[in-house]
N, C-alpha and C. Protein backbone atom coordinates (compact mmCIF):
# COMPACT_ATOMS: atom_id res chain seq x y z
N MET A 1 -157.59 -27.40 -132.77
CA MET A 1 -156.17 -27.18 -133.06
C MET A 1 -155.28 -27.84 -132.01
N ASP A 2 -155.82 -28.06 -130.81
CA ASP A 2 -154.97 -28.62 -129.77
C ASP A 2 -154.84 -30.14 -129.89
N ARG A 3 -155.55 -30.74 -130.82
CA ARG A 3 -155.44 -32.19 -130.98
C ARG A 3 -154.57 -32.58 -132.17
N ILE A 4 -154.03 -31.59 -132.89
CA ILE A 4 -153.22 -31.89 -134.07
C ILE A 4 -151.80 -32.27 -133.61
N SER A 5 -151.28 -33.36 -134.16
CA SER A 5 -149.94 -33.80 -133.83
C SER A 5 -148.94 -33.07 -134.73
N PHE A 6 -148.05 -32.33 -134.10
CA PHE A 6 -147.04 -31.60 -134.86
C PHE A 6 -146.08 -32.52 -135.58
N THR A 7 -145.81 -33.67 -134.97
CA THR A 7 -144.91 -34.65 -135.60
C THR A 7 -145.52 -35.21 -136.87
N VAL A 8 -146.82 -35.54 -136.85
CA VAL A 8 -147.48 -36.03 -138.03
C VAL A 8 -147.48 -34.94 -139.12
N LEU A 9 -147.71 -33.73 -138.71
CA LEU A 9 -147.73 -32.60 -139.66
C LEU A 9 -146.38 -32.45 -140.34
N LEU A 10 -145.31 -32.45 -139.57
CA LEU A 10 -143.96 -32.32 -140.15
C LEU A 10 -143.62 -33.51 -141.05
N GLN A 11 -143.94 -34.71 -140.61
CA GLN A 11 -143.60 -35.89 -141.39
C GLN A 11 -144.35 -35.92 -142.72
N SER A 12 -145.64 -35.58 -142.69
CA SER A 12 -146.42 -35.58 -143.96
C SER A 12 -145.96 -34.47 -144.86
N ALA A 13 -145.57 -33.32 -144.32
CA ALA A 13 -145.03 -32.24 -145.15
C ALA A 13 -143.70 -32.63 -145.77
N ALA A 14 -142.87 -33.31 -144.99
CA ALA A 14 -141.59 -33.77 -145.54
C ALA A 14 -141.80 -34.80 -146.63
N ASP A 15 -142.78 -35.69 -146.45
CA ASP A 15 -143.09 -36.69 -147.49
C ASP A 15 -143.56 -36.03 -148.76
N GLN A 16 -144.36 -34.97 -148.63
CA GLN A 16 -144.84 -34.26 -149.80
C GLN A 16 -143.71 -33.55 -150.54
N VAL A 17 -142.76 -33.01 -149.81
CA VAL A 17 -141.61 -32.33 -150.45
C VAL A 17 -140.73 -33.34 -151.13
N ILE A 18 -140.50 -34.48 -150.50
CA ILE A 18 -139.61 -35.50 -151.07
C ILE A 18 -140.20 -36.13 -152.32
N THR A 19 -141.49 -36.48 -152.26
CA THR A 19 -142.10 -37.16 -153.41
C THR A 19 -142.65 -36.18 -154.44
N ALA A 20 -142.78 -34.94 -154.09
CA ALA A 20 -143.32 -33.90 -154.98
C ALA A 20 -144.67 -34.33 -155.56
N GLY A 21 -145.50 -34.88 -154.72
CA GLY A 21 -146.81 -35.38 -155.13
C GLY A 21 -147.83 -34.25 -155.21
N ASN A 22 -148.78 -34.39 -156.12
CA ASN A 22 -149.90 -33.47 -156.29
C ASN A 22 -149.48 -32.04 -156.59
N ILE A 23 -148.41 -31.86 -157.36
CA ILE A 23 -148.02 -30.52 -157.74
C ILE A 23 -148.93 -30.02 -158.85
N LEU A 24 -149.07 -30.82 -159.87
CA LEU A 24 -149.98 -30.47 -160.97
C LEU A 24 -151.14 -31.44 -160.96
N THR A 25 -152.32 -30.94 -160.71
CA THR A 25 -153.51 -31.77 -160.69
C THR A 25 -154.32 -31.53 -161.97
N HIS A 26 -154.96 -32.56 -162.44
CA HIS A 26 -155.73 -32.43 -163.67
C HIS A 26 -157.21 -32.21 -163.39
N GLY A 27 -157.64 -32.43 -162.17
CA GLY A 27 -159.02 -32.28 -161.85
C GLY A 27 -159.24 -31.07 -160.97
N PRO A 28 -160.36 -31.04 -160.25
CA PRO A 28 -160.61 -29.91 -159.33
C PRO A 28 -159.61 -29.96 -158.17
N ALA A 29 -159.30 -28.80 -157.62
CA ALA A 29 -158.31 -28.70 -156.54
C ALA A 29 -158.84 -29.33 -155.26
N ASP A 30 -158.01 -30.06 -154.61
CA ASP A 30 -158.36 -30.68 -153.31
C ASP A 30 -158.02 -29.71 -152.21
N LEU A 31 -159.02 -29.19 -151.54
CA LEU A 31 -158.80 -28.13 -150.55
C LEU A 31 -158.09 -28.64 -149.30
N VAL A 32 -158.30 -29.89 -148.94
CA VAL A 32 -157.69 -30.42 -147.71
C VAL A 32 -156.24 -30.80 -148.03
N GLY A 33 -155.99 -31.52 -149.10
CA GLY A 33 -154.67 -31.91 -149.49
C GLY A 33 -154.18 -33.12 -148.70
N ALA A 34 -153.03 -33.61 -149.11
CA ALA A 34 -152.48 -34.81 -148.50
C ALA A 34 -152.02 -34.53 -147.07
N ILE A 35 -151.45 -33.35 -146.81
CA ILE A 35 -151.00 -33.02 -145.46
C ILE A 35 -152.23 -32.91 -144.52
N GLY A 36 -153.27 -32.25 -144.98
CA GLY A 36 -154.47 -32.11 -144.18
C GLY A 36 -155.14 -33.42 -143.88
N ARG A 37 -155.18 -34.31 -144.88
CA ARG A 37 -155.77 -35.66 -144.63
C ARG A 37 -154.96 -36.44 -143.64
N ALA A 38 -153.63 -36.37 -143.74
CA ALA A 38 -152.77 -37.12 -142.82
C ALA A 38 -152.93 -36.61 -141.40
N VAL A 39 -153.05 -35.30 -141.23
CA VAL A 39 -153.21 -34.70 -139.90
C VAL A 39 -154.58 -35.04 -139.32
N LEU A 40 -155.61 -34.96 -140.14
CA LEU A 40 -156.98 -35.25 -139.65
C LEU A 40 -157.17 -36.74 -139.36
N ASP A 41 -156.42 -37.63 -140.03
CA ASP A 41 -156.52 -39.03 -139.75
C ASP A 41 -155.80 -39.42 -138.46
N ALA A 42 -154.86 -38.60 -138.03
CA ALA A 42 -154.07 -38.95 -136.84
C ALA A 42 -154.24 -37.93 -135.73
N LEU A 43 -155.48 -37.50 -135.48
CA LEU A 43 -155.73 -36.56 -134.40
C LEU A 43 -155.45 -37.20 -133.06
N LEU A 44 -154.94 -36.41 -132.15
CA LEU A 44 -154.72 -36.90 -130.80
C LEU A 44 -156.07 -37.03 -130.08
N PRO A 45 -156.15 -37.93 -129.09
CA PRO A 45 -157.44 -38.11 -128.40
C PRO A 45 -157.81 -36.88 -127.57
N ALA A 46 -159.11 -36.63 -127.45
CA ALA A 46 -159.57 -35.54 -126.60
C ALA A 46 -159.33 -35.97 -125.17
N TRP A 47 -158.54 -35.22 -124.45
CA TRP A 47 -158.15 -35.62 -123.10
C TRP A 47 -158.22 -34.40 -122.22
N ARG A 48 -158.77 -34.59 -121.04
CA ARG A 48 -158.83 -33.54 -120.05
C ARG A 48 -158.16 -34.02 -118.80
N ARG A 49 -157.37 -33.14 -118.21
CA ARG A 49 -156.64 -33.51 -117.00
C ARG A 49 -157.65 -33.69 -115.85
N PRO A 50 -157.61 -34.85 -115.19
CA PRO A 50 -158.52 -35.04 -114.08
C PRO A 50 -158.08 -34.18 -112.87
N ARG A 51 -159.04 -33.75 -112.12
CA ARG A 51 -158.72 -32.97 -110.94
C ARG A 51 -158.10 -33.85 -109.86
N ILE A 52 -157.10 -33.31 -109.20
CA ILE A 52 -156.44 -34.05 -108.13
C ILE A 52 -157.36 -34.19 -106.92
N LYS A 53 -158.00 -33.11 -106.55
CA LYS A 53 -158.95 -33.14 -105.44
C LYS A 53 -160.06 -32.11 -105.76
N ALA A 54 -161.13 -32.24 -105.07
CA ALA A 54 -162.23 -31.33 -105.29
C ALA A 54 -161.86 -29.94 -104.77
N ARG A 55 -162.36 -28.93 -105.44
CA ARG A 55 -162.07 -27.57 -104.98
C ARG A 55 -162.80 -27.28 -103.70
N THR A 56 -162.18 -26.52 -102.80
CA THR A 56 -162.82 -26.10 -101.55
C THR A 56 -162.84 -24.59 -101.55
N ARG A 57 -163.94 -24.03 -101.11
CA ARG A 57 -164.04 -22.58 -101.08
C ARG A 57 -163.46 -22.03 -99.79
N LYS A 58 -163.82 -22.61 -98.68
CA LYS A 58 -163.27 -22.16 -97.39
C LYS A 58 -162.92 -23.39 -96.59
N SER A 59 -161.80 -23.33 -95.94
CA SER A 59 -161.34 -24.47 -95.17
C SER A 59 -161.36 -24.09 -93.67
N PRO A 60 -161.87 -24.96 -92.80
CA PRO A 60 -161.86 -24.61 -91.38
C PRO A 60 -160.48 -24.62 -90.76
N THR A 61 -159.54 -25.32 -91.38
CA THR A 61 -158.19 -25.33 -90.87
C THR A 61 -157.31 -24.49 -91.75
N SER A 62 -156.35 -23.84 -91.14
CA SER A 62 -155.47 -22.96 -91.90
C SER A 62 -154.33 -23.77 -92.52
N LYS A 63 -153.96 -23.42 -93.74
CA LYS A 63 -152.85 -24.14 -94.34
C LYS A 63 -151.50 -23.67 -93.78
N TYR A 64 -151.51 -22.60 -93.00
CA TYR A 64 -150.30 -22.09 -92.39
C TYR A 64 -150.11 -22.58 -90.97
N GLY A 65 -150.99 -23.44 -90.49
CA GLY A 65 -150.92 -23.91 -89.12
C GLY A 65 -149.67 -24.67 -88.74
N PRO A 66 -149.20 -25.59 -89.57
CA PRO A 66 -148.02 -26.40 -89.16
C PRO A 66 -146.73 -25.56 -88.95
N ASN A 67 -146.65 -24.36 -89.55
CA ASN A 67 -145.44 -23.55 -89.39
C ASN A 67 -145.51 -22.57 -88.25
N ALA A 68 -146.61 -22.52 -87.57
CA ALA A 68 -146.79 -21.53 -86.52
C ALA A 68 -145.79 -21.77 -85.38
N GLY A 69 -145.11 -20.71 -85.00
CA GLY A 69 -144.15 -20.75 -83.89
C GLY A 69 -142.79 -21.30 -84.24
N GLN A 70 -142.54 -21.71 -85.44
CA GLN A 70 -141.22 -22.25 -85.81
C GLN A 70 -140.28 -21.20 -86.35
N HIS A 71 -140.77 -20.05 -86.72
CA HIS A 71 -139.95 -18.99 -87.24
C HIS A 71 -139.45 -18.11 -86.10
N PRO A 72 -138.28 -17.50 -86.26
CA PRO A 72 -137.79 -16.62 -85.19
C PRO A 72 -138.68 -15.40 -85.07
N THR A 73 -138.90 -14.96 -83.82
CA THR A 73 -139.77 -13.83 -83.58
C THR A 73 -139.07 -12.50 -83.83
N THR A 74 -137.75 -12.45 -83.73
CA THR A 74 -136.99 -11.22 -83.99
C THR A 74 -136.12 -11.42 -85.22
N SER A 75 -135.76 -10.32 -85.82
CA SER A 75 -134.91 -10.42 -87.01
C SER A 75 -133.49 -10.74 -86.61
N GLN A 76 -132.74 -11.34 -87.48
CA GLN A 76 -131.36 -11.70 -87.17
C GLN A 76 -130.45 -10.90 -88.06
N ASN A 77 -129.30 -10.47 -87.52
CA ASN A 77 -128.31 -9.72 -88.24
C ASN A 77 -127.14 -10.61 -88.56
N TYR A 78 -126.61 -10.47 -89.78
CA TYR A 78 -125.46 -11.23 -90.21
C TYR A 78 -124.42 -10.24 -90.69
N THR A 79 -123.14 -10.58 -90.45
CA THR A 79 -122.02 -9.76 -90.91
C THR A 79 -121.21 -10.57 -91.88
N PHE A 80 -120.87 -9.95 -93.01
CA PHE A 80 -120.07 -10.60 -94.04
C PHE A 80 -118.78 -9.82 -94.19
N HIS A 81 -117.66 -10.56 -94.22
CA HIS A 81 -116.35 -9.95 -94.38
C HIS A 81 -115.62 -10.67 -95.49
N ALA A 82 -115.05 -9.91 -96.42
CA ALA A 82 -114.31 -10.50 -97.54
C ALA A 82 -112.99 -9.79 -97.72
N ASP A 83 -111.93 -10.55 -97.93
CA ASP A 83 -110.62 -9.99 -98.25
C ASP A 83 -110.37 -10.14 -99.74
N VAL A 84 -110.03 -9.05 -100.41
CA VAL A 84 -109.75 -9.08 -101.84
C VAL A 84 -108.26 -8.82 -102.01
N MET A 85 -107.59 -9.74 -102.72
CA MET A 85 -106.16 -9.64 -102.92
C MET A 85 -105.86 -9.44 -104.39
N PHE A 86 -104.96 -8.50 -104.74
CA PHE A 86 -104.53 -8.29 -106.10
C PHE A 86 -103.11 -8.80 -106.20
N LEU A 87 -102.90 -9.76 -107.07
CA LEU A 87 -101.55 -10.36 -107.26
C LEU A 87 -100.86 -9.64 -108.42
N GLU A 88 -99.64 -9.16 -108.15
CA GLU A 88 -98.90 -8.44 -109.18
C GLU A 88 -98.29 -9.38 -110.21
N HIS A 89 -97.80 -10.53 -109.77
CA HIS A 89 -97.09 -11.41 -110.69
C HIS A 89 -97.91 -12.65 -111.07
N GLY A 90 -99.06 -12.80 -110.55
CA GLY A 90 -99.89 -13.94 -110.89
C GLY A 90 -99.54 -15.16 -110.05
N LEU A 91 -100.18 -16.27 -110.35
CA LEU A 91 -99.94 -17.51 -109.66
C LEU A 91 -99.01 -18.39 -110.46
N ALA A 92 -98.36 -19.29 -109.75
CA ALA A 92 -97.46 -20.25 -110.43
C ALA A 92 -98.33 -21.28 -111.16
N SER A 93 -97.85 -21.71 -112.33
CA SER A 93 -98.62 -22.66 -113.09
C SER A 93 -98.60 -24.02 -112.43
N ARG A 94 -99.59 -24.83 -112.69
CA ARG A 94 -99.67 -26.18 -112.11
C ARG A 94 -98.67 -27.09 -112.79
N PRO A 95 -98.11 -28.02 -112.04
CA PRO A 95 -97.17 -28.98 -112.68
C PRO A 95 -97.93 -29.92 -113.62
N ARG A 96 -97.32 -30.27 -114.71
CA ARG A 96 -97.92 -31.19 -115.66
C ARG A 96 -97.75 -32.60 -115.19
N ARG A 97 -98.67 -33.47 -115.54
CA ARG A 97 -98.59 -34.88 -115.12
C ARG A 97 -97.88 -35.68 -116.15
């Protein structure tokens, strides 16, 4: 199911609706149908993502080594101050150009 192209599926279904083909058949029923044949003829290639690098179970070097000693040793305090103003009459409108 992961190799089926959704675009091919939609296009072949739209073609079947537009042409109204194979609505009434005189012979035995075709179980695959035109949509199924179109999808099976245009399967996407079997593809597997290559690994970037080989997996390692244990590494002799720590991945946290380059950041050692660069962070502050004590916590830092910050103070935030905000002034909130309520305007009774609003702001003057901008001049038009």
